[in-house]
Protein backbone atom coordinates (compact mmCIF):
# COMPACT_ATOMS: atom_id res chain seq x y z
CA MET A 1 18.44 15.34 -3.96
CA ASN A 2 21.07 12.64 -4.35
CA PHE A 3 20.25 9.89 -6.86
CA GLU A 4 22.92 7.57 -5.47
CA LEU A 5 21.77 5.23 -2.74
CA THR A 6 23.74 4.98 0.47
CA GLN A 7 25.19 1.61 1.40
CA GLU A 8 22.37 1.11 3.91
CA GLN A 9 19.70 2.05 1.36
CA GLN A 10 21.20 -0.33 -1.20
CA MET A 11 21.08 -3.11 1.36
CA ILE A 12 17.41 -2.36 2.04
CA TYR A 13 16.65 -2.31 -1.68
CA GLU A 14 18.35 -5.68 -2.18
CA TYR A 15 16.66 -7.26 0.84
CA GLY A 16 13.84 -8.53 -1.39
CA LYS A 17 16.35 -10.45 -3.50
CA ASN A 18 17.79 -12.12 -0.41
CA LEU A 19 14.32 -12.80 1.01
CA SER A 20 13.18 -14.44 -2.22
CA LYS A 21 15.86 -17.11 -1.88
CA THR A 22 13.85 -18.56 1.00
CA TRP A 23 10.37 -17.24 0.32
CA THR A 24 10.25 -17.66 -3.43
CA ARG A 25 7.88 -16.43 -6.10
CA ASP A 26 6.45 -19.95 -6.21
CA TYR A 27 5.74 -19.74 -2.46
CA TRP A 28 4.00 -16.38 -2.96
CA ARG A 29 1.90 -17.72 -5.85
CA GLU A 30 0.89 -20.83 -3.93
CA LYS A 31 -0.27 -18.71 -1.01
CA ALA A 32 -2.09 -16.33 -3.36
CA GLU A 33 -3.94 -19.17 -5.08
CA LYS A 34 -5.06 -20.50 -1.69
CA ARG A 35 -5.93 -16.97 -0.47
CA GLU A 36 -3.61 -17.54 2.48
CA PHE A 37 -1.49 -14.77 3.92
CA THR A 38 2.28 -15.19 3.65
CA LEU A 39 2.58 -15.20 7.43
CA GLU A 40 5.92 -17.04 7.54
CA MET A 41 7.48 -14.49 5.21
CA TRP A 42 5.94 -11.61 7.15
CA GLN A 43 7.40 -12.94 10.39
CA GLN A 44 10.78 -13.31 8.72
CA VAL A 45 10.66 -9.67 7.60
CA GLY A 46 9.84 -8.71 11.19
CA GLU A 47 12.65 -10.80 12.66
CA ASP A 48 15.06 -9.19 10.21
CA GLY A 49 13.99 -5.74 11.40
CA PHE A 50 12.24 -4.47 8.26
CA LEU A 51 8.65 -3.96 9.42
CA GLY A 52 9.39 -0.86 11.49
CA MET A 53 11.35 1.18 8.97
CA MET A 54 9.58 4.43 9.90
CA VAL A 55 9.41 3.76 13.64
CA PRO A 56 12.04 5.28 15.99
CA GLU A 57 14.68 2.89 17.30
CA GLU A 58 13.57 3.46 20.88
CA HIS A 59 10.29 1.72 20.02
CA GLY A 60 11.80 -1.21 18.15
CA GLY A 61 12.04 0.31 14.68
CA ALA A 62 14.83 1.30 12.32
CA GLY A 63 14.38 5.06 12.70
CA LEU A 64 14.47 5.61 8.93
CA GLY A 65 12.10 7.30 6.52
CA MET A 66 9.71 7.04 3.62
CA THR A 67 12.59 6.63 1.18
CA GLU A 68 13.76 3.45 2.87
CA GLN A 69 10.18 2.17 3.18
CA LEU A 70 9.75 2.69 -0.57
CA LEU A 71 13.03 0.94 -1.38
CA LEU A 72 12.00 -2.05 0.73
CA MET A 73 8.64 -2.44 -1.00
CA GLU A 74 10.02 -1.89 -4.48
CA GLY A 75 12.86 -4.34 -3.87
CA MET A 76 10.43 -7.06 -2.79
CA ALA A 77 8.15 -6.42 -5.76
CA ASN A 78 11.19 -6.63 -8.06
CA GLU A 79 11.32 -10.32 -7.10
CA GLY A 80 7.62 -10.96 -7.64
CA ILE A 81 6.78 -11.16 -3.91
CA PRO A 82 4.88 -7.91 -3.17
CA LEU A 83 2.89 -7.56 0.06
CA LEU A 84 -0.18 -5.32 0.24
CA MET A 85 0.01 -5.55 4.03
CA MET A 86 3.19 -3.46 3.84
CA VAL A 87 0.95 -0.59 2.70
CA VAL A 88 -1.75 -0.71 5.37
CA GLY A 89 0.41 -1.94 8.25
CA PRO A 90 3.96 -0.55 8.43
CA THR A 91 3.45 2.37 6.03
CA MET A 92 0.09 3.75 7.17
CA THR A 93 -0.67 2.46 10.66
CA LEU A 94 2.73 2.04 12.34
CA SER A 95 4.01 5.35 10.99
CA ALA A 96 0.85 7.11 12.21
CA LEU A 97 1.28 5.56 15.66
CA ALA A 98 4.92 6.58 15.73
CA SER A 99 4.11 10.19 14.79
CA HIS A 100 0.84 10.79 16.67
CA GLY A 101 0.47 8.12 19.34
CA SER A 102 0.64 8.80 23.05
CA ASP A 103 3.63 7.54 25.01
CA GLU A 104 1.47 4.69 26.32
CA GLN A 105 0.30 3.74 22.82
CA LYS A 106 3.82 3.78 21.46
CA LYS A 107 5.07 1.51 24.23
CA GLU A 108 2.10 -0.83 23.85
CA PHE A 109 1.76 -1.16 20.08
CA LEU A 110 4.97 -0.25 18.27
CA PRO A 111 7.48 -2.89 19.43
CA ASP A 112 5.14 -5.81 18.65
CA GLY A 113 4.23 -4.24 15.31
CA CYS A 114 7.87 -3.88 14.35
CA SER A 115 8.67 -7.46 15.31
CA GLY A 116 5.65 -8.91 13.52
CA LYS A 117 4.05 -10.23 16.71
CA ARG A 118 1.06 -7.97 16.05
CA ILE A 119 -0.41 -7.06 12.68
CA TYR A 120 -2.36 -3.88 11.97
CA CYS A 121 -4.71 -2.89 9.17
CA PHE A 122 -6.34 0.40 8.18
CA ALA A 123 -10.05 1.13 7.64
CA ILE A 124 -11.17 4.22 5.74
CA THR A 125 -13.30 3.22 2.71
CA GLU A 126 -17.08 2.99 3.11
CA PRO A 127 -19.69 1.45 0.79
CA ASN A 128 -21.53 4.71 0.14
CA ALA A 129 -18.81 7.34 0.58
CA GLY A 130 -16.17 5.61 -1.55
CA THR A 131 -13.51 8.14 -2.51
CA ASN A 132 -15.48 10.95 -0.87
CA THR A 133 -14.18 10.32 2.65
CA ILE A 134 -15.64 13.64 3.80
CA LYS A 135 -19.09 12.04 3.62
CA ALA A 136 -18.10 9.06 5.78
CA THR A 137 -20.92 7.98 8.08
CA THR A 138 -19.10 5.65 10.48
CA VAL A 139 -19.57 7.48 13.76
CA ALA A 140 -18.16 7.22 17.26
CA LYS A 141 -20.68 8.79 19.62
CA LYS A 142 -19.23 10.16 22.83
CA LYS A 143 -21.06 9.03 25.93
CA PRO A 144 -21.48 10.97 29.20
CA ASP A 145 -18.76 8.87 30.85
CA GLY A 146 -16.22 9.94 28.20
CA ARG A 147 -16.23 6.64 26.34
CA TYR A 148 -17.31 6.14 22.73
CA SER A 149 -19.76 3.91 20.87
CA LEU A 150 -18.52 3.08 17.35
CA SER A 151 -21.03 2.13 14.64
CA GLY A 152 -20.78 1.95 10.88
CA THR A 153 -19.41 -0.03 7.95
CA LYS A 154 -16.01 -0.13 6.25
CA THR A 155 -15.30 -2.06 3.07
CA PHE A 156 -12.34 -3.24 1.00
CA ILE A 157 -10.22 -3.49 4.13
CA THR A 158 -7.03 -5.46 3.51
CA GLY A 159 -5.93 -8.25 5.83
CA VAL A 160 -8.61 -8.09 8.53
CA ASP A 161 -8.39 -11.87 9.01
CA VAL A 162 -4.71 -11.78 9.99
CA SER A 163 -4.72 -8.48 11.87
CA ASP A 164 -4.97 -7.90 15.60
CA TYR A 165 -5.96 -4.23 15.47
CA VAL A 166 -7.49 -1.91 12.90
CA LEU A 167 -6.98 1.86 12.70
CA VAL A 168 -10.48 3.18 11.98
CA VAL A 169 -11.31 6.56 10.47
CA ALA A 170 -14.59 7.69 12.06
CA ARG A 171 -16.56 10.83 12.67
CA THR A 172 -17.08 12.05 16.22
CA THR A 173 -19.06 14.97 14.77
CA PRO A 174 -21.40 14.27 11.83
CA TYR A 175 -20.75 16.01 8.51
CA ASP A 176 -23.85 18.22 8.77
CA GLN A 177 -22.73 19.58 12.14
CA VAL A 178 -19.15 20.69 11.39
CA LYS A 179 -18.00 24.18 10.46
CA ASN A 180 -15.27 22.93 8.12
CA LYS A 181 -15.84 19.72 6.16
CA THR A 182 -12.58 18.17 7.39
CA ASP A 183 -13.45 18.78 11.05
CA GLY A 184 -14.91 16.10 13.27
CA PHE A 185 -12.79 13.12 12.25
CA THR A 186 -11.18 10.95 14.90
CA LEU A 187 -8.93 7.91 14.48
CA PHE A 188 -9.37 4.92 16.76
CA LEU A 189 -7.09 1.92 17.22
CA VAL A 190 -9.62 -0.88 17.62
CA ASP A 191 -9.00 -4.39 18.93
CA LEU A 192 -10.61 -6.68 16.33
CA LYS A 193 -11.67 -9.10 19.08
CA LYS A 194 -14.02 -6.53 20.62
CA LYS A 195 -17.72 -7.26 20.94
CA GLY A 196 -19.85 -5.74 18.21
CA ILE A 197 -17.47 -6.31 15.29
CA GLU A 198 -18.42 -8.52 12.35
CA LYS A 199 -16.20 -9.26 9.36
CA HIS A 200 -17.27 -10.61 6.00
CA PRO A 201 -14.88 -11.59 3.17
CA ILE A 202 -15.21 -9.99 -0.26
CA ASP A 203 -14.76 -12.43 -3.13
CA ILE A 204 -12.04 -10.69 -5.16
CA ALA A 205 -11.08 -12.12 -8.56
CA ILE A 206 -7.44 -11.02 -8.19
CA CYS A 207 -5.00 -13.70 -7.05
CA LEU A 208 -3.37 -12.27 -3.92
CA PRO A 209 -2.36 -13.69 -0.53
CA GLU A 210 -4.19 -10.83 1.22
CA MET A 211 -7.99 -10.95 1.39
CA GLN A 212 -10.39 -8.00 1.34
CA TRP A 213 -13.10 -7.61 3.96
CA THR A 214 -16.19 -5.65 4.94
CA LEU A 215 -16.24 -4.64 8.61
CA PHE A 216 -19.44 -3.93 10.53
CA PHE A 217 -19.23 -2.01 13.82
CA ASP A 218 -22.29 -2.18 16.07
CA GLU A 219 -21.94 0.02 19.14
CA VAL A 220 -18.37 -1.08 19.76
CA ASP A 221 -17.23 0.25 23.13
CA LEU A 222 -14.05 2.34 23.00
CA GLY A 223 -12.23 4.48 25.51
CA PRO A 224 -10.12 7.66 25.34
CA GLU A 225 -7.05 5.41 25.36
CA ASP A 226 -8.12 4.10 21.92
CA VAL A 227 -8.03 7.54 20.30
CA LEU A 228 -5.01 8.24 18.12
CA GLY A 229 -4.06 11.88 18.38
CA GLU A 230 -6.68 14.49 19.21
CA GLU A 231 -10.44 14.02 19.01
CA GLY A 232 -11.91 15.82 16.02
CA ARG A 233 -8.49 16.42 14.44
CA GLY A 234 -8.06 13.02 12.84
CA PHE A 235 -8.14 14.33 9.28
CA GLU A 236 -4.71 15.88 9.83
CA ILE A 237 -3.30 12.46 10.75
CA LEU A 238 -5.15 10.90 7.83
CA PHE A 239 -3.65 13.45 5.47
CA ASP A 240 -0.18 12.46 6.69
CA SER A 241 -0.95 8.84 5.76
CA LEU A 242 -2.32 9.35 2.25
CA ASN A 243 0.87 10.49 0.53
CA PRO A 244 2.87 7.53 1.93
CA GLU A 245 0.09 5.22 0.72
CA ARG A 246 0.43 6.58 -2.83
CA ILE A 247 4.23 6.46 -2.71
CA ILE A 248 4.41 2.87 -1.49
CA ALA A 249 1.77 1.76 -4.01
CA ALA A 250 3.87 3.33 -6.75
CA GLY A 251 6.95 1.42 -5.59
CA MET A 252 5.07 -1.87 -5.49
CA THR A 253 3.67 -1.41 -8.99
CA ALA A 254 7.01 -0.32 -10.45
CA GLY A 255 8.62 -3.40 -8.94
CA ILE A 256 5.99 -5.76 -10.34
CA GLY A 257 6.43 -4.17 -13.77
CA ARG A 258 10.20 -4.56 -13.52
CA TYR A 259 9.82 -8.21 -12.53
CA ALA A 260 7.56 -8.91 -15.54
CA LEU A 261 10.00 -7.21 -17.92
CA GLU A 262 12.96 -9.20 -16.59
CA ARG A 263 11.05 -12.44 -17.18
CA ALA A 264 10.18 -11.24 -20.69
CA VAL A 265 13.81 -10.41 -21.47
CA GLU A 266 14.91 -13.87 -20.35
CA TYR A 267 12.26 -15.53 -22.49
CA ALA A 268 12.78 -13.33 -25.56
CA SER A 269 16.53 -13.91 -25.44
CA GLU A 270 16.11 -17.69 -25.48
CA ARG A 271 13.02 -18.24 -27.61
CA THR A 272 14.05 -18.68 -31.24
CA VAL A 273 11.65 -18.24 -34.18
CA PHE A 274 12.69 -17.77 -37.82
CA ASP A 275 16.28 -18.66 -36.85
CA ALA A 276 16.77 -15.76 -34.41
CA PRO A 277 15.87 -14.92 -30.80
CA ILE A 278 12.52 -13.14 -30.81
CA GLY A 279 14.05 -10.41 -28.65
CA SER A 280 16.05 -9.29 -31.69
CA TYR A 281 12.84 -8.39 -33.53
CA GLN A 282 11.81 -4.78 -33.06
CA GLY A 283 8.15 -5.77 -32.80
CA VAL A 284 9.04 -7.54 -29.54
CA GLN A 285 11.97 -5.43 -28.43
CA HIS A 286 10.49 -1.95 -28.72
CA PRO A 287 7.38 -2.47 -26.54
CA LEU A 288 9.62 -3.91 -23.82
CA ALA A 289 12.05 -1.00 -24.13
CA MET A 290 9.21 1.54 -23.97
CA ALA A 291 7.75 -0.16 -20.90
CA LYS A 292 11.16 -0.27 -19.21
CA THR A 293 11.55 3.47 -19.74
CA GLU A 294 8.11 4.15 -18.26
CA ILE A 295 8.83 1.95 -15.23
CA GLU A 296 12.11 3.70 -14.44
CA LEU A 297 10.51 7.15 -14.86
CA ALA A 298 7.72 6.19 -12.46
CA SER A 299 10.27 4.79 -10.02
CA LEU A 300 12.20 8.05 -10.06
CA MET A 301 9.06 10.07 -9.36
CA GLY A 302 8.32 7.76 -6.43
CA ARG A 303 11.77 8.39 -5.00
CA LYS A 304 11.33 12.13 -5.46
CA ALA A 305 8.02 11.99 -3.58
CA ALA A 306 9.59 9.95 -0.77
CA TRP A 307 12.50 12.39 -0.52
CA GLN A 308 10.13 15.36 -0.32
CA PHE A 309 8.11 13.62 2.38
CA ASP A 310 11.23 12.88 4.41
CA GLN A 311 12.36 16.50 4.09
CA GLY A 312 9.03 17.78 5.39
CA LEU A 313 8.27 19.36 2.01
CA PRO A 314 4.86 19.32 0.28
CA ALA A 315 4.73 15.91 -1.40
CA GLY A 316 1.20 15.77 -2.79
CA GLU A 317 2.13 16.60 -6.37
CA ALA A 318 4.94 14.06 -6.69
CA SER A 319 3.08 11.38 -4.69
CA ASN A 320 0.02 11.52 -6.91
CA MET A 321 2.09 11.68 -10.10
CA ALA A 322 4.18 8.71 -8.95
CA LYS A 323 1.09 6.62 -8.22
CA TYR A 324 -0.50 7.52 -11.56
CA ALA A 325 2.69 6.94 -13.56
CA ALA A 326 3.49 3.62 -11.88
CA ALA A 327 0.01 2.22 -12.48
CA GLU A 328 0.11 3.06 -16.17
CA ALA A 329 3.70 1.86 -16.54
CA GLY A 330 2.96 -1.37 -14.68
CA ILE A 331 0.02 -2.16 -16.94
CA HIS A 332 2.08 -1.48 -20.05
CA ALA A 333 5.00 -3.55 -18.73
CA VAL A 334 2.96 -6.64 -17.90
CA ASP A 335 1.05 -6.36 -21.18
CA ALA A 336 4.31 -6.17 -23.15
CA ALA A 337 5.70 -9.13 -21.17
CA VAL A 338 2.61 -11.24 -21.90
CA GLN A 339 2.82 -10.38 -25.59
CA ALA A 340 6.52 -11.27 -25.71
CA HIS A 341 5.72 -14.69 -24.27
CA GLY A 342 3.05 -15.36 -26.90
CA GLY A 343 0.76 -18.20 -25.90
CA ASN A 344 3.06 -19.08 -23.01
CA GLY A 345 2.22 -15.74 -21.45
CA PHE A 346 -1.22 -17.08 -20.57
CA THR A 347 -0.01 -20.26 -18.87
CA LYS A 348 0.40 -20.74 -15.13
CA GLU A 349 3.83 -22.23 -15.75
CA TYR A 350 5.35 -18.90 -16.78
CA GLY A 351 3.46 -16.88 -14.18
CA ILE A 352 3.14 -13.66 -16.15
CA PHE A 353 -0.55 -13.18 -16.82
CA ASP A 354 -1.48 -13.44 -13.14
CA LEU A 355 0.44 -10.19 -12.61
CA TYR A 356 -1.93 -8.27 -14.85
CA PRO A 357 -4.93 -8.09 -12.47
CA ILE A 358 -2.63 -6.79 -9.73
CA VAL A 359 -1.19 -3.92 -11.76
CA ARG A 360 -4.63 -3.18 -13.21
CA LEU A 361 -5.93 -2.87 -9.65
CA THR A 362 -3.46 -0.06 -8.97
CA ARG A 363 -5.12 2.10 -11.62
CA THR A 364 -8.20 2.04 -9.39
CA ALA A 365 -6.84 1.60 -5.86
CA PRO A 366 -5.86 2.88 -3.39
CA ILE A 367 -7.05 6.02 -5.21
CA ASN A 368 -8.46 5.96 -8.70
CA ARG A 369 -6.78 7.49 -11.73
CA GLU A 370 -9.56 10.01 -12.32
CA ILE A 371 -9.27 11.59 -8.87
CA ILE A 372 -5.51 11.82 -9.27
CA LEU A 373 -5.84 13.53 -12.65
CA SER A 374 -8.39 15.94 -11.18
CA TYR A 375 -5.96 16.71 -8.35
CA ILE A 376 -3.14 17.39 -10.80
CA GLY A 377 -5.38 19.50 -13.01
CA GLU A 378 -6.65 21.66 -10.15
CA HIS A 379 -3.87 21.80 -7.57
CA VAL A 380 -0.82 21.55 -9.83
CA MET A 381 -1.94 23.17 -13.07
CA GLY A 382 -4.43 25.67 -11.64
CA LEU A 383 -7.43 24.53 -13.67
CA PRO A 384 -10.99 25.07 -12.35
CA ARG A 385 -12.28 22.48 -9.89
CA SER A 386 -13.96 19.65 -11.80
CA TYR A 387 -16.15 18.16 -9.04
């Protein structure tokens, strides 16, 4: 594993800095406060060729890997302009289509996804199943004519309002009828304009440009052409998407933490109290230094996980550790930055405190800290299963 970025990777990592000259942190915050998606910025990213990082060039993408996708997200978050849609769209849905889609699906959906003309979201979480996806009850019943009828509910689905299609995780065989608990899952690419779909916004207290939604499917008609991969084998595709989700979430959180620390360093170097910059006082300096160390350690673990994924190596251990470490580091970094700003840390003018709910979210989503620790305890350390 080489720690030095190639010239191309460095360019990808610095893209966020160049993007922020046009689409600034102030632009992002204004959109977040209005709960409006940063569509203009998204389209710019697409025009610049950065939405299809993990899609082959023949289908309009860059033909690169998880490492480059991570660098892109982290670089944008470094500038205070993170996009959750980068997780559910390019990282989870487009990469799944590129790896498991039919030739027809690739031709139909990938080029427009890479250019930003179409936006995709991902639906897995259910109100009752929660983290226990195995017990998902959204079902696609197969009809005698070979078509499917999709019914069920998905919740906390990011960006439904701005998306054209949603990749839905459903059961084609109910849980109580399968031999193995992971059997019977099928993924469907569903046009959100189809009859039988209702969407309801969830009132989230976090200030973000992406909204969360509950989706209701009532006998939505789907055909074999809407199936991604093989019927009943969708859990294998889903498994391929979960590690990238954790990796990209880690990169986003590390970047937000790094952004907060840079703002704190600027402030602490200029703010003078008792005839000296407050950054010279160890009570201010040491928490920032500790948080910086944690952020960079989490970032390194994220890059290790991305490298393992790109090499086709088992990446579950590093992906989960990266997500856990970045969430904790991000919380500590923003907290230290707020404290360094004193009372100013709570004002809208300085824009620090509004980062806290975002990094706090990553301790819970897309997978909560407790499940990650249980995974590490059981699968990495060999401890008895805890649940």
